[in-house]
Amino acid sequence: MTPELLELAATRRERFCPHFHLPMQHAADSVLRRMRRRCSSEQFIHICQNVRQTLPDAELTTDVMVGFPGETPDDFQRLCDVIRMIEFSQVHIFRYSARPSTDAARFANPIPPEIKQQRAEQLAQLATQLKFQRMRRRIGQVSRVIIEGISRWDPCRAIGTDEYHYLCELPPGTAGQEGIYTVRIHHVACETPRLQADSFDLPCR
């Protein structure tokens, strides 16, 4: 994620979606070292800050792992704090599972399954809160949406993914449309997190 790439994304908005998936894995440096990750938590945070400074409306998603051998309560708290600070719009959460013949399978201090489950559930709650928080900021804003089919919640609406990587329903009467449309967001549906649009324009060229 170089400054040159970010500058290109900022100046060629018609070619780049303002969404970046940056796999963090963890935010405690001691865990990252045991994982043999080459990026420290501060370096990762700096990269995310650069993205937000260059593209203030960009959304960031990530992958994290809980329950890696030796993960302490403080390590897990650090992970939660960094996720909250960066405000990821989506967090893919994985629980560590030992694999035969790997170094990690031989590490000391394995985390009990019930602790891994508890941490994953706690992190999932935080991730959901942040997702809705970020989605609500889209209300009143304009997005480009690529239509992928008909909404299973409302057969009169088309549904697709917008440029910020959110599920988005187009207005009633759009079922059967194809292409990429410009829409204005007016609502966030909560039962399955998705944006809903109240207007749409001609297909983008």
Foldseek 3Di string as FASTA:
>chain_A
DDPVVLLCCLVPVVVAQLEDEDAPQFQDQVVCVVVVPPAHNVRVLVVLVSSCVSPVLHAYEYEYEPQQAPCDPVRLVSRLVSCVVSLHLAYHYHYDDDDPPDPSNVDPRGDDPVVSVVSRVVSVVSNLVSNVVSVVVQAQHKWKFFFDAADPVDRQWTWGATSNRFIETEDGNCGPDGAIWIFHWHDFDDVPTGTYGDDIDDHDD
